Amino acid sequence: MAKEVSKIADKIRQVQTTLAVINGKWKLPILLSMYSGVSRFRDLQRNIPNITTRVLSKELKDLEASKLVLRIVYDTHPVSIEYKLTTYSFTLTPVVDEMIKWGKQHSKGNL
């Protein structure tokens, strides 16, 4: 019994770790909008309805800290900045695909 509880507690910790990285209203939409390739800040803002400049900036910093997004600064005038997904971010693809699948089923009422 104690071993079973320990396994459950470990699973809960792992889910909490995942949620700490991708949780929130905006992180997954940002990642999804970047799947097509490199993006500039304004492109992301246009692709994601209702996201504010402040929130997008904060979320991009969080995603960069989590090693899911790479920020590339070009030495141009004015300075040009692009964002792209890291190789590591693609490890989330199966998780995101399952979330999309589940969301489709849920919205159709096919539980």
Protein backbone atom coordinates (compact mmCIF):
# COMPACT_ATOMS: atom_id res chain seq x y z
CA MET A 1 0.00 0.00 0.00
CA ALA A 2 2.76 2.47 0.94
CA LYS A 3 4.58 1.66 -2.29
CA GLU A 4 1.42 2.41 -4.28
CA VAL A 5 0.99 5.77 -2.52
CA SER A 6 4.63 6.58 -3.27
CA LYS A 7 4.10 5.84 -6.99
CA ILE A 8 1.01 8.05 -7.07
CA ALA A 9 2.85 10.86 -5.26
CA ASP A 10 5.70 10.58 -7.78
CA LYS A 11 3.26 10.80 -10.69
CA ILE A 12 1.64 13.85 -9.16
CA ARG A 13 5.07 15.52 -8.77
CA GLN A 14 5.89 14.83 -12.43
CA VAL A 15 2.56 16.30 -13.60
CA GLN A 16 3.16 19.35 -11.41
CA THR A 17 6.61 19.77 -12.96
CA THR A 18 5.10 19.69 -16.45
CA LEU A 19 2.36 22.13 -15.50
CA ALA A 20 4.88 24.50 -13.96
CA VAL A 21 6.50 24.84 -17.40
CA ILE A 22 3.44 24.97 -19.71
CA ASN A 23 0.69 26.13 -17.35
CA GLY A 24 -1.32 29.24 -17.98
CA LYS A 25 -3.55 30.69 -20.61
CA TRP A 26 -0.84 31.73 -23.06
CA LYS A 27 2.21 29.43 -23.09
CA LEU A 28 0.74 26.70 -25.27
CA PRO A 29 -0.84 29.13 -27.75
CA ILE A 30 2.54 30.85 -28.07
CA LEU A 31 4.30 27.55 -28.70
CA LEU A 32 1.63 26.46 -31.18
CA SER A 33 1.91 29.69 -33.12
CA MET A 34 5.67 29.17 -33.36
CA TYR A 35 5.47 25.63 -34.80
CA SER A 36 5.50 27.07 -38.32
CA GLY A 37 8.99 28.49 -37.81
CA VAL A 38 10.84 31.56 -36.60
CA SER A 39 8.62 34.39 -35.41
CA ARG A 40 8.97 38.01 -34.57
CA PHE A 41 7.21 39.54 -31.59
CA ARG A 42 4.55 41.31 -33.67
CA ASP A 43 3.85 38.13 -35.68
CA LEU A 44 3.17 36.27 -32.47
CA GLN A 45 0.97 39.06 -31.20
CA ARG A 46 -1.07 39.01 -34.43
CA ASN A 47 -1.44 35.22 -34.33
CA ILE A 48 -2.67 35.07 -30.74
CA PRO A 49 -5.94 36.93 -30.22
CA ASN A 50 -6.27 39.10 -27.10
CA ILE A 51 -2.71 38.67 -25.80
CA THR A 52 -1.22 41.90 -24.51
CA THR A 53 2.31 43.08 -25.24
CA ARG A 54 3.23 42.83 -21.56
CA VAL A 55 1.92 39.29 -21.19
CA LEU A 56 3.55 38.08 -24.42
CA SER A 57 6.87 39.52 -23.33
CA LYS A 58 6.65 37.86 -19.90
CA GLU A 59 5.58 34.50 -21.31
CA LEU A 60 8.37 34.51 -23.90
CA LYS A 61 10.89 35.16 -21.11
CA ASP A 62 9.43 32.25 -19.11
CA LEU A 63 9.56 29.95 -22.15
CA GLU A 64 13.14 31.03 -22.82
CA ALA A 65 14.08 30.28 -19.19
CA SER A 66 12.50 26.84 -19.58
CA LYS A 67 14.67 26.23 -22.67
CA LEU A 68 11.63 25.93 -24.95
CA VAL A 69 12.19 29.14 -26.92
CA LEU A 70 15.36 30.70 -28.25
CA ARG A 71 15.62 34.49 -28.53
CA ILE A 72 17.82 35.63 -31.41
CA VAL A 73 19.02 39.25 -31.46
CA TYR A 74 20.35 40.64 -34.74
CA ASP A 75 22.75 43.57 -34.70
CA THR A 76 20.79 45.72 -37.12
CA HIS A 77 19.45 49.23 -36.90
CA PRO A 78 16.91 49.13 -35.36
CA VAL A 79 17.71 45.92 -33.49
CA SER A 80 15.80 42.95 -34.85
CA ILE A 81 14.67 40.11 -32.56
CA GLU A 82 13.28 36.73 -33.55
CA TYR A 83 12.04 33.80 -31.53
CA LYS A 84 12.24 30.16 -32.47
CA LEU A 85 11.45 26.87 -30.85
CA THR A 86 14.33 24.87 -29.48
CA THR A 87 14.83 21.21 -30.33
CA TYR A 88 13.86 20.47 -26.73
CA SER A 89 10.46 22.15 -27.20
CA PHE A 90 9.51 19.50 -29.76
CA THR A 91 9.55 16.89 -27.00
CA LEU A 92 6.21 18.44 -26.00
CA THR A 93 4.66 17.60 -29.39
CA PRO A 94 3.08 14.28 -28.27
CA VAL A 95 1.63 15.98 -25.18
CA VAL A 96 0.21 18.87 -27.22
CA ASP A 97 -1.17 16.50 -29.88
CA GLU A 98 -2.99 14.51 -27.19
CA MET A 99 -4.35 17.72 -25.67
CA ILE A 100 -5.68 18.78 -29.07
CA LYS A 101 -7.26 15.35 -29.60
CA TRP A 102 -8.83 15.41 -26.15
CA GLY A 103 -10.11 18.97 -26.66
CA LYS A 104 -11.80 17.98 -29.93
CA GLN A 105 -13.49 15.01 -28.28
CA HIS A 106 -14.54 17.05 -25.28
CA SER A 107 -16.03 19.86 -27.35
CA LYS A 108 -18.08 17.31 -29.32
CA GLY A 109 -19.29 15.71 -26.10
CA ASN A 110 -17.66 12.38 -27.00
CA LEU A 111 -16.46 11.45 -23.55
